[in-house]
């Protein structure tokens, strides 16, 4: 009895069909796994914990450095090689020094604050930009105050600038409190009497500027001195956390 003849083309076609079927099964399995993974994410089983603070801190450091650079470039160089000519630049140096101290205070407190916080969200990012916006106006308000030799309106505007920067910092703190892990900062700062008192003092300084601008400047200098005193609340909190880890 003769065996049936098998054509090579038929064998090749059958093999190709088998490979196509296997590929289709693999694709279907991958699609199923992909849909399952996406459903796993959408169900909330895979939750994000926020963004890290590294880029926010680096960006803030860069902006503050630029602000200081702009302010120092605003200083007028004496046109004569005499002490009298140097003395004529004293007002500009004093206003620069005050604003430099304020920028330094914000940088210091900003650095301490983000030693406690590990993650941030979009609200914190915008709150940080709000703070940087008001601080970036300091070169302008400082230069105006210096060029008018502490006239009433420029001093009032300078005080408003300080007030809005302080309010933005306070708002940033409140946003951080609501982030996962932000309760540590709340615990570290406690009642934050100094921060709240600063807002009240700025308002008093602005009001005193309408009486005499020099009284307002004394208030602004006093607030800066108050913050220059080392504030170890965050450092004590970090030391306690390291000594007694959860």
Protein backbone atom coordinates (compact mmCIF):
# COMPACT_ATOMS: atom_id res chain seq x y z
CA UNK A 1 0.00 0.00 0.00
CA UNK A 2 1.49 3.32 -1.03
CA UNK A 3 2.01 6.09 1.55
CA UNK A 4 0.43 9.47 0.72
CA UNK A 5 2.81 12.07 -0.63
CA UNK A 6 3.46 15.15 1.52
CA UNK A 7 4.36 18.31 -0.27
CA UNK A 8 7.09 20.51 1.27
CA UNK A 9 4.99 23.65 0.79
CA UNK A 10 2.16 22.14 2.86
CA UNK A 11 4.57 21.26 5.70
CA UNK A 12 6.04 24.80 5.63
CA UNK A 13 2.56 26.36 5.65
CA UNK A 14 1.48 24.27 8.63
CA UNK A 15 4.62 25.25 10.53
CA UNK A 16 4.00 28.94 9.79
CA UNK A 17 0.41 28.73 11.00
CA UNK A 18 1.60 27.13 14.25
CA UNK A 19 4.12 29.91 14.85
CA UNK A 20 1.48 32.58 14.20
CA UNK A 21 -0.90 30.89 16.65
CA UNK A 22 1.82 30.70 19.31
CA UNK A 23 2.69 34.38 18.81
CA UNK A 24 -0.98 35.35 19.13
CA UNK A 25 -1.26 33.40 22.40
CA UNK A 26 1.86 35.13 23.78
CA UNK A 27 0.49 38.54 22.77
CA UNK A 28 -2.83 37.77 24.44
CA UNK A 29 -1.05 36.69 27.64
CA UNK A 30 1.05 39.87 27.68
CA UNK A 31 -2.06 41.99 27.13
CA UNK A 32 -3.84 40.19 29.99
CA UNK A 33 -0.89 40.72 32.32
CA UNK A 34 -0.66 44.39 31.27
CA UNK A 35 -4.34 44.98 31.97
CA UNK A 36 -4.00 43.27 35.32
CA UNK A 37 -1.03 45.43 36.26
CA UNK A 38 -2.84 48.61 35.19
CA UNK A 39 -5.87 47.56 37.20
CA UNK A 40 -3.58 46.92 40.17
CA UNK A 41 -2.23 50.46 39.93
CA UNK A 42 -5.65 52.07 39.42
CA UNK A 43 -7.07 50.15 42.36
CA UNK A 44 -4.61 51.90 44.63
CA UNK A 45 -2.58 48.85 45.58
CA UNK A 46 0.51 50.53 44.19
CA UNK A 47 0.56 53.97 45.81
CA UNK A 48 3.11 56.71 45.26
CA UNK A 49 4.52 58.46 48.30
CA UNK A 50 5.22 61.82 46.71
CA UNK A 51 8.26 63.35 45.08
CA UNK A 52 11.67 63.69 46.65
CA UNK A 53 12.87 67.09 47.84
CA UNK A 54 16.28 67.13 46.12
CA UNK A 55 15.27 69.09 43.01
CA UNK A 56 13.19 71.56 45.01
CA UNK A 57 16.12 72.26 47.33
CA UNK A 58 18.63 72.58 44.49
CA UNK A 59 16.37 74.96 42.56
CA UNK A 60 15.72 77.07 45.65
CA UNK A 61 19.44 77.28 46.46
CA UNK A 62 20.14 78.47 42.93
CA UNK A 63 17.43 81.14 42.98
CA UNK A 64 18.57 82.49 46.36
CA UNK A 65 22.17 82.63 45.14
CA UNK A 66 21.05 84.62 42.08
CA UNK A 67 19.07 87.03 44.28
CA UNK A 68 22.14 87.76 46.39
CA UNK A 69 24.24 88.23 43.26
CA UNK A 70 21.75 90.74 41.83
CA UNK A 71 21.73 92.72 45.08
CA UNK A 72 25.50 92.99 45.29
CA UNK A 73 25.64 94.13 41.67
CA UNK A 74 23.29 96.97 42.64
CA UNK A 75 25.91 98.42 44.98
CA UNK A 76 27.38 101.62 43.59
CA UNK A 77 31.16 101.74 43.29
CA UNK A 78 32.71 105.01 44.58
CA UNK A 79 33.96 107.25 41.77
CA UNK A 80 36.82 108.67 43.81
CA UNK A 81 39.59 106.90 45.76
CA UNK A 82 38.67 108.54 49.07
CA UNK A 83 36.97 107.52 52.28
CA UNK A 84 34.42 110.26 51.78
CA UNK A 85 33.40 108.74 48.45
CA UNK A 86 33.18 105.34 50.15
CA UNK A 87 30.99 106.87 52.84
CA UNK A 88 28.58 108.07 50.20
CA UNK A 89 27.92 104.38 49.43
CA UNK A 90 27.13 103.60 53.08
CA UNK A 91 23.35 103.70 52.61
CA UNK A 92 23.53 101.18 49.79
CA UNK A 93 25.74 98.89 51.83
CA UNK A 94 23.42 99.05 54.87
CA UNK A 95 20.33 98.18 52.82
CA UNK A 96 22.25 95.40 51.06
CA UNK A 97 23.41 94.01 54.40
CA UNK A 98 19.88 93.94 55.80
CA UNK A 99 18.44 92.19 52.75
CA UNK A 100 21.40 89.79 52.60
CA UNK A 101 20.72 88.81 56.21
CA UNK A 102 17.06 88.19 55.39
CA UNK A 103 17.95 85.98 52.41
CA UNK A 104 20.40 84.11 54.63
CA UNK A 105 17.72 83.60 57.27
CA UNK A 106 15.29 82.17 54.72
CA UNK A 107 17.97 79.91 53.23
CA UNK A 108 18.92 78.64 56.70
CA UNK A 109 15.33 77.94 57.77
CA UNK A 110 14.47 76.45 54.37
CA UNK A 111 17.42 74.07 54.66
CA UNK A 112 16.46 73.01 58.18
CA UNK A 113 12.82 72.53 57.21
CA UNK A 114 13.61 70.07 54.42
CA UNK A 115 15.88 68.03 56.66
CA UNK A 116 12.71 66.84 58.36
CA UNK A 117 10.65 66.29 55.19
CA UNK A 118 11.46 63.49 52.73
CA UNK A 119 8.64 63.89 50.20
CA UNK A 120 6.68 66.74 48.66
CA UNK A 121 3.68 67.13 46.38
CA UNK A 122 2.50 69.66 43.83
CA UNK A 123 1.02 71.97 46.47
CA UNK A 124 4.38 72.20 48.22
CA UNK A 125 6.15 72.91 44.92
CA UNK A 126 3.82 75.83 44.16
CA UNK A 127 4.09 77.08 47.72
CA UNK A 128 7.86 77.07 47.38
CA UNK A 129 7.63 79.02 44.11
CA UNK A 130 5.39 81.54 45.83
CA UNK A 131 8.07 82.07 48.47
CA UNK A 132 10.81 82.44 45.86
CA UNK A 133 8.71 84.97 43.94
CA UNK A 134 8.45 87.35 46.88
CA UNK A 135 12.11 86.90 47.80
CA UNK A 136 13.11 87.61 44.20
CA UNK A 137 11.57 91.08 44.56
CA UNK A 138 13.93 92.01 47.39
CA UNK A 139 16.65 93.35 45.05
CA UNK A 140 14.10 95.75 43.54
CA UNK A 141 12.59 96.98 46.81
CA UNK A 142 16.04 97.21 48.41
CA UNK A 143 17.44 99.31 45.56
CA UNK A 144 14.40 101.63 45.57
CA UNK A 145 14.70 102.17 49.31
CA UNK A 146 18.42 102.91 49.00
CA UNK A 147 18.08 105.33 46.07
CA UNK A 148 15.40 107.35 47.88
CA UNK A 149 17.34 107.31 51.19
CA UNK A 150 14.59 105.55 53.13
CA UNK A 151 11.64 107.60 51.92
CA UNK A 152 8.23 106.64 53.29
CA UNK A 153 6.69 104.85 50.30
CA UNK A 154 9.76 102.71 49.43
CA UNK A 155 10.10 101.69 53.09
CA UNK A 156 6.41 100.72 53.19
CA UNK A 157 6.83 98.68 50.00
CA UNK A 158 9.94 97.02 51.47
CA UNK A 159 7.95 96.12 54.57
CA UNK A 160 5.12 94.70 52.48
CA UNK A 161 7.70 92.65 50.59
CA UNK A 162 9.02 91.21 53.85
CA UNK A 163 5.47 90.57 55.09
CA UNK A 164 4.41 88.70 51.95
CA UNK A 165 7.61 86.61 51.95
CA UNK A 166 6.96 85.65 55.58
CA UNK A 167 3.32 84.83 54.78
CA UNK A 168 4.45 82.67 51.84
CA UNK A 169 6.89 80.81 54.11
CA UNK A 170 4.13 80.23 56.65
CA UNK A 171 1.82 78.94 53.89
CA UNK A 172 4.59 76.63 52.67
CA UNK A 173 4.89 75.18 56.16
CA UNK A 174 1.14 74.54 56.28
CA UNK A 175 1.32 72.72 52.93
CA UNK A 176 4.17 70.54 54.21
CA UNK A 177 2.18 69.66 57.33
CA UNK A 178 -0.40 67.98 55.09
CA UNK A 179 2.16 65.89 53.18
CA UNK A 180 2.83 62.31 54.24
CA UNK A 181 5.51 62.57 56.91
CA UNK A 182 4.89 66.30 57.38
CA UNK A 183 3.75 65.77 60.94
CA UNK A 184 7.43 65.60 61.90
CA UNK A 185 7.90 69.25 60.93
CA UNK A 186 4.81 70.23 62.92
CA UNK A 187 6.25 68.44 65.93
CA UNK A 188 9.65 70.07 65.45
CA UNK A 189 8.30 73.62 65.16
CA UNK A 190 5.76 73.31 67.94
CA UNK A 191 3.61 76.43 68.29
CA UNK A 192 6.02 78.43 66.09
CA UNK A 193 5.63 81.57 68.17
CA UNK A 194 8.58 83.25 66.46
CA UNK A 195 7.13 82.77 62.98
CA UNK A 196 3.72 84.14 63.95
CA UNK A 197 5.26 87.04 65.89
CA UNK A 198 7.27 88.02 62.80
CA UNK A 199 4.07 88.56 60.80
CA UNK A 200 2.68 90.84 63.50
CA UNK A 201 5.95 92.79 63.75
CA UNK A 202 6.06 93.35 59.99
CA UNK A 203 2.55 94.80 60.14
CA UNK A 204 3.63 97.07 62.99
CA UNK A 205 6.68 98.17 61.01
CA UNK A 206 4.57 99.01 57.97
CA UNK A 207 2.22 101.07 60.14
CA UNK A 208 5.14 102.89 61.81
CA UNK A 209 6.55 103.79 58.39
CA UNK A 210 3.64 106.23 58.00
CA UNK A 211 4.82 107.93 61.18
CA UNK A 212 8.53 107.89 60.42
CA UNK A 213 10.37 105.45 58.15
CA UNK A 214 13.26 105.06 60.60
CA UNK A 215 10.98 103.48 63.20
CA UNK A 216 9.90 100.95 60.61
CA UNK A 217 13.52 100.17 59.77
CA UNK A 218 14.24 99.57 63.46
CA UNK A 219 11.42 97.01 63.54
CA UNK A 220 12.69 95.28 60.39
CA UNK A 221 16.22 95.14 61.82
CA UNK A 222 14.82 93.80 65.11
CA UNK A 223 13.03 90.94 63.35
CA UNK A 224 16.23 90.05 61.50
CA UNK A 225 18.18 90.02 64.79
CA UNK A 226 15.48 87.84 66.35
CA UNK A 227 16.00 85.24 63.63
CA UNK A 228 19.79 85.50 63.76
CA UNK A 229 19.69 84.00 67.24
CA UNK A 230 20.31 80.27 66.66
CA UNK A 231 17.03 78.37 66.48
CA UNK A 232 17.70 74.73 67.27
CA UNK A 233 14.13 73.40 67.22
CA UNK A 234 14.64 71.30 64.11
CA UNK A 235 18.11 70.19 65.20
CA UNK A 236 16.79 69.05 68.57
CA UNK A 237 13.99 67.15 66.85
CA UNK A 238 16.44 65.37 64.52
CA UNK A 239 18.75 64.53 67.39
CA UNK A 240 15.84 63.11 69.40
CA UNK A 241 14.66 61.07 66.41
CA UNK A 242 18.14 59.60 65.90
CA UNK A 243 18.49 58.82 69.61
CA UNK A 244 15.06 57.20 69.83
CA UNK A 245 14.18 55.79 66.40
CA UNK A 246 10.62 54.55 65.95
